[in-house]
């Protein structure tokens, strides 16, 4: 299970950066707390969401993506493997 903490959020931010995505925290009323702008490789996260909601939203987005694991830093590979084993439920 992934903890819904600021530490996990920081790791997810780095993971998305490694994958070539830019995270932006802005105002929004997204149904999931975040949305992906595919062509621009940008993920917009509702800045007013709680930390746990931000983590869950980013995990849900990551779950739908095809990930090239060779792009991920060594120190985050175990974190990513843990994410892959976890089923996200809200």
N, C-alpha and C. Protein backbone atom coordinates (compact mmCIF):
# COMPACT_ATOMS: atom_id res chain seq x y z
N UNK A 1 0.84 -1.19 0.00
CA UNK A 1 0.00 0.00 0.00
C UNK A 1 0.89 1.25 0.00
N UNK A 2 0.54 2.20 -0.81
CA UNK A 2 1.25 3.47 -0.89
C UNK A 2 0.66 4.41 0.16
N UNK A 3 1.53 5.01 0.97
CA UNK A 3 1.04 5.96 1.97
C UNK A 3 0.63 7.26 1.28
N UNK A 4 -0.42 7.85 1.77
CA UNK A 4 -0.97 9.08 1.18
C UNK A 4 -0.38 10.28 1.91
N UNK A 5 0.92 10.48 1.73
CA UNK A 5 1.64 11.52 2.47
C UNK A 5 2.37 12.45 1.50
N UNK A 6 2.91 13.52 2.06
CA UNK A 6 3.69 14.47 1.25
C UNK A 6 4.91 13.78 0.65
N UNK A 7 5.50 12.83 1.36
CA UNK A 7 6.65 12.10 0.84
C UNK A 7 6.31 11.33 -0.43
N UNK A 8 5.13 10.67 -0.42
CA UNK A 8 4.69 9.94 -1.61
C UNK A 8 4.39 10.90 -2.75
N UNK A 9 3.82 12.05 -2.42
CA UNK A 9 3.54 13.06 -3.44
C UNK A 9 4.84 13.56 -4.07
N UNK A 10 5.84 13.79 -3.25
CA UNK A 10 7.15 14.23 -3.76
C UNK A 10 7.75 13.19 -4.71
N UNK A 11 7.66 11.90 -4.33
CA UNK A 11 8.17 10.83 -5.17
C UNK A 11 7.40 10.76 -6.49
N UNK A 12 6.09 10.92 -6.42
CA UNK A 12 5.27 10.89 -7.65
C UNK A 12 5.62 12.06 -8.56
N UNK A 13 5.86 13.23 -7.98
CA UNK A 13 6.25 14.39 -8.79
C UNK A 13 7.56 14.10 -9.53
N UNK A 14 8.52 13.50 -8.84
CA UNK A 14 9.79 13.16 -9.47
C UNK A 14 9.60 12.08 -10.53
N UNK A 15 8.76 11.10 -10.24
CA UNK A 15 8.49 10.02 -11.18
C UNK A 15 7.89 10.56 -12.48
N UNK A 16 6.90 11.43 -12.37
CA UNK A 16 6.30 12.02 -13.57
C UNK A 16 7.31 12.88 -14.33
N UNK A 17 8.17 13.56 -13.60
CA UNK A 17 9.22 14.35 -14.24
C UNK A 17 10.16 13.45 -15.03
N UNK A 18 10.53 12.32 -14.44
CA UNK A 18 11.38 11.35 -15.14
C UNK A 18 10.73 10.85 -16.42
N UNK A 19 9.41 10.73 -16.40
CA UNK A 19 8.67 10.22 -17.56
C UNK A 19 8.39 11.31 -18.59
N UNK A 20 8.83 12.53 -18.31
CA UNK A 20 8.68 13.61 -19.28
C UNK A 20 7.40 14.41 -19.15
N UNK A 21 6.73 14.29 -18.00
CA UNK A 21 5.50 15.04 -17.76
C UNK A 21 5.79 16.21 -16.83
N UNK A 22 5.08 17.29 -17.05
CA UNK A 22 5.18 18.45 -16.17
C UNK A 22 3.91 18.49 -15.33
N UNK A 23 4.07 18.65 -14.01
CA UNK A 23 2.92 18.78 -13.12
C UNK A 23 2.69 20.25 -12.84
N UNK A 24 1.44 20.66 -12.95
CA UNK A 24 1.07 22.03 -12.60
C UNK A 24 -0.04 21.97 -11.57
N UNK A 25 0.08 22.77 -10.54
CA UNK A 25 -0.95 22.86 -9.50
C UNK A 25 -1.71 24.15 -9.72
N UNK A 26 -2.98 24.00 -10.09
CA UNK A 26 -3.82 25.16 -10.40
C UNK A 26 -5.22 24.95 -9.86
N UNK A 27 -5.99 26.05 -9.90
CA UNK A 27 -7.40 25.96 -9.51
C UNK A 27 -8.12 25.09 -10.52
N UNK A 28 -9.09 24.34 -10.05
CA UNK A 28 -9.87 23.54 -10.97
C UNK A 28 -10.90 22.72 -10.23
N UNK A 29 -11.89 22.30 -10.97
CA UNK A 29 -12.91 21.43 -10.39
C UNK A 29 -12.93 20.12 -11.18
N UNK A 30 -11.76 19.50 -11.27
CA UNK A 30 -11.64 18.25 -12.00
C UNK A 30 -12.33 17.16 -11.20
N UNK A 31 -13.00 16.30 -11.88
CA UNK A 31 -13.74 15.23 -11.21
C UNK A 31 -12.79 14.36 -10.38
N UNK A 32 -11.60 14.08 -10.90
CA UNK A 32 -10.67 13.21 -10.18
C UNK A 32 -9.64 13.98 -9.39
N UNK A 33 -9.64 15.28 -9.45
CA UNK A 33 -8.64 16.07 -8.76
C UNK A 33 -7.45 16.41 -9.63
N UNK A 34 -7.42 15.82 -10.86
CA UNK A 34 -6.32 16.09 -11.79
C UNK A 34 -6.77 15.72 -13.20
N UNK A 35 -6.11 16.29 -14.18
CA UNK A 35 -6.39 15.92 -15.56
C UNK A 35 -5.08 15.93 -16.35
N UNK A 36 -5.05 15.19 -17.45
CA UNK A 36 -3.86 15.07 -18.27
C UNK A 36 -4.10 15.76 -19.60
N UNK A 37 -3.20 16.64 -19.97
CA UNK A 37 -3.23 17.25 -21.29
C UNK A 37 -2.25 16.45 -22.14
N UNK A 38 -2.76 15.45 -22.87
CA UNK A 38 -1.91 14.45 -23.52
C UNK A 38 -0.88 15.04 -24.47
N UNK A 39 -1.31 15.89 -25.37
CA UNK A 39 -0.39 16.39 -26.40
C UNK A 39 0.74 17.23 -25.80
N UNK A 40 0.48 17.88 -24.68
CA UNK A 40 1.49 18.74 -24.06
C UNK A 40 2.28 18.01 -22.98
N UNK A 41 1.90 16.76 -22.65
CA UNK A 41 2.53 15.99 -21.58
C UNK A 41 2.53 16.79 -20.27
N UNK A 42 1.37 17.36 -19.99
CA UNK A 42 1.17 18.17 -18.78
C UNK A 42 0.04 17.54 -17.97
N UNK A 43 0.24 17.47 -16.67
CA UNK A 43 -0.81 17.02 -15.76
C UNK A 43 -1.16 18.19 -14.86
N UNK A 44 -2.43 18.55 -14.85
CA UNK A 44 -2.90 19.66 -14.03
C UNK A 44 -3.60 19.07 -12.81
N UNK A 45 -3.12 19.45 -11.64
CA UNK A 45 -3.65 18.96 -10.37
C UNK A 45 -4.35 20.11 -9.67
N UNK A 46 -5.49 19.82 -9.09
CA UNK A 46 -6.23 20.84 -8.34
C UNK A 46 -5.43 21.21 -7.10
N UNK A 47 -4.97 22.45 -7.02
CA UNK A 47 -4.12 22.86 -5.91
C UNK A 47 -4.86 22.94 -4.58
N UNK A 48 -6.17 22.91 -4.62
CA UNK A 48 -6.95 22.97 -3.38
C UNK A 48 -7.28 21.59 -2.84
N UNK A 49 -6.91 20.53 -3.56
CA UNK A 49 -7.13 19.17 -3.06
C UNK A 49 -6.20 18.90 -1.88
N UNK A 50 -6.62 17.98 -1.04
CA UNK A 50 -5.76 17.57 0.07
C UNK A 50 -4.60 16.74 -0.47
N UNK A 51 -3.57 16.58 0.33
CA UNK A 51 -2.40 15.81 -0.10
C UNK A 51 -2.80 14.39 -0.49
N UNK A 52 -3.65 13.76 0.33
CA UNK A 52 -4.04 12.38 0.00
C UNK A 52 -4.82 12.31 -1.30
N UNK A 53 -5.65 13.29 -1.59
CA UNK A 53 -6.39 13.30 -2.85
C UNK A 53 -5.45 13.52 -4.04
N UNK A 54 -4.44 14.36 -3.85
CA UNK A 54 -3.45 14.59 -4.91
C UNK A 54 -2.71 13.28 -5.22
N UNK A 55 -2.30 12.57 -4.17
CA UNK A 55 -1.59 11.30 -4.35
C UNK A 55 -2.47 10.30 -5.08
N UNK A 56 -3.71 10.14 -4.62
CA UNK A 56 -4.63 9.19 -5.25
C UNK A 56 -4.87 9.57 -6.72
N UNK A 57 -5.06 10.85 -7.00
CA UNK A 57 -5.30 11.30 -8.37
C UNK A 57 -4.11 10.97 -9.27
N UNK A 58 -2.91 11.23 -8.79
CA UNK A 58 -1.71 10.95 -9.59
C UNK A 58 -1.51 9.44 -9.76
N UNK A 59 -1.82 8.66 -8.73
CA UNK A 59 -1.73 7.21 -8.85
C UNK A 59 -2.71 6.67 -9.88
N UNK A 60 -3.92 7.23 -9.91
CA UNK A 60 -4.91 6.80 -10.89
C UNK A 60 -4.45 7.13 -12.30
N UNK A 61 -3.86 8.28 -12.49
CA UNK A 61 -3.35 8.66 -13.81
C UNK A 61 -2.21 7.73 -14.21
N UNK A 62 -1.31 7.47 -13.28
CA UNK A 62 -0.17 6.60 -13.56
C UNK A 62 -0.62 5.20 -13.93
N UNK A 63 -1.70 4.75 -13.29
CA UNK A 63 -2.24 3.42 -13.55
C UNK A 63 -2.71 3.27 -15.00
N UNK A 64 -3.12 4.36 -15.63
CA UNK A 64 -3.66 4.29 -16.99
C UNK A 64 -2.58 4.49 -18.06
N UNK A 65 -1.36 4.81 -17.64
CA UNK A 65 -0.30 5.14 -18.58
C UNK A 65 0.56 3.92 -18.89
N UNK A 66 1.15 3.94 -20.10
CA UNK A 66 2.20 2.99 -20.41
C UNK A 66 3.51 3.64 -20.01
N UNK A 67 4.26 2.97 -19.16
CA UNK A 67 5.46 3.56 -18.58
C UNK A 67 6.71 2.86 -19.10
N UNK A 68 7.65 3.64 -19.59
CA UNK A 68 8.96 3.12 -19.97
C UNK A 68 9.84 3.16 -18.72
N UNK A 69 10.00 2.01 -18.09
CA UNK A 69 10.70 1.95 -16.81
C UNK A 69 12.17 2.34 -16.93
N UNK A 70 12.72 2.33 -18.13
CA UNK A 70 14.12 2.71 -18.29
C UNK A 70 14.34 4.21 -18.05
N UNK A 71 13.26 4.99 -18.07
CA UNK A 71 13.35 6.42 -17.83
C UNK A 71 13.36 6.78 -16.34
N UNK A 72 12.98 5.81 -15.51
CA UNK A 72 12.83 6.07 -14.07
C UNK A 72 14.18 5.95 -13.37
N UNK A 73 14.46 6.91 -12.50
CA UNK A 73 15.69 6.88 -11.70
C UNK A 73 15.74 5.60 -10.87
N UNK A 74 16.93 5.08 -10.66
CA UNK A 74 17.11 3.84 -9.89
C UNK A 74 16.44 3.93 -8.52
N UNK A 75 16.59 5.08 -7.85
CA UNK A 75 16.06 5.20 -6.49
C UNK A 75 14.53 5.17 -6.45
N UNK A 76 13.87 5.40 -7.59
CA UNK A 76 12.40 5.38 -7.63
C UNK A 76 11.84 4.09 -8.22
N UNK A 77 12.68 3.20 -8.70
CA UNK A 77 12.18 1.97 -9.32
C UNK A 77 11.44 1.08 -8.33
N UNK A 78 11.93 0.98 -7.10
CA UNK A 78 11.22 0.16 -6.12
C UNK A 78 9.88 0.80 -5.76
N UNK A 79 9.85 2.12 -5.69
CA UNK A 79 8.59 2.84 -5.44
C UNK A 79 7.60 2.55 -6.57
N UNK A 80 8.08 2.61 -7.82
CA UNK A 80 7.19 2.34 -8.96
C UNK A 80 6.72 0.88 -8.94
N UNK A 81 7.58 -0.05 -8.61
CA UNK A 81 7.19 -1.47 -8.52
C UNK A 81 6.10 -1.65 -7.46
N UNK A 82 6.22 -0.93 -6.36
CA UNK A 82 5.21 -0.99 -5.30
C UNK A 82 3.87 -0.44 -5.81
N UNK A 83 3.93 0.62 -6.60
CA UNK A 83 2.71 1.21 -7.18
C UNK A 83 2.03 0.20 -8.10
N UNK A 84 2.83 -0.48 -8.92
CA UNK A 84 2.26 -1.45 -9.86
C UNK A 84 1.54 -2.59 -9.15
N UNK A 85 1.99 -2.94 -7.96
CA UNK A 85 1.38 -4.05 -7.20
C UNK A 85 0.12 -3.62 -6.46
N UNK A 86 -0.07 -2.32 -6.30
CA UNK A 86 -1.18 -1.78 -5.53
C UNK A 86 -2.36 -1.46 -6.42
N UNK A 87 -3.53 -1.93 -6.05
CA UNK A 87 -4.76 -1.58 -6.77
C UNK A 87 -5.32 -0.32 -6.15
N UNK A 88 -5.53 0.71 -6.95
CA UNK A 88 -6.00 2.00 -6.46
C UNK A 88 -7.52 1.95 -6.29
N UNK A 89 -7.98 2.28 -5.08
CA UNK A 89 -9.42 2.38 -4.83
C UNK A 89 -9.68 3.67 -4.08
N UNK A 90 -10.79 4.28 -4.40
CA UNK A 90 -11.14 5.53 -3.75
C UNK A 90 -12.40 5.35 -2.96
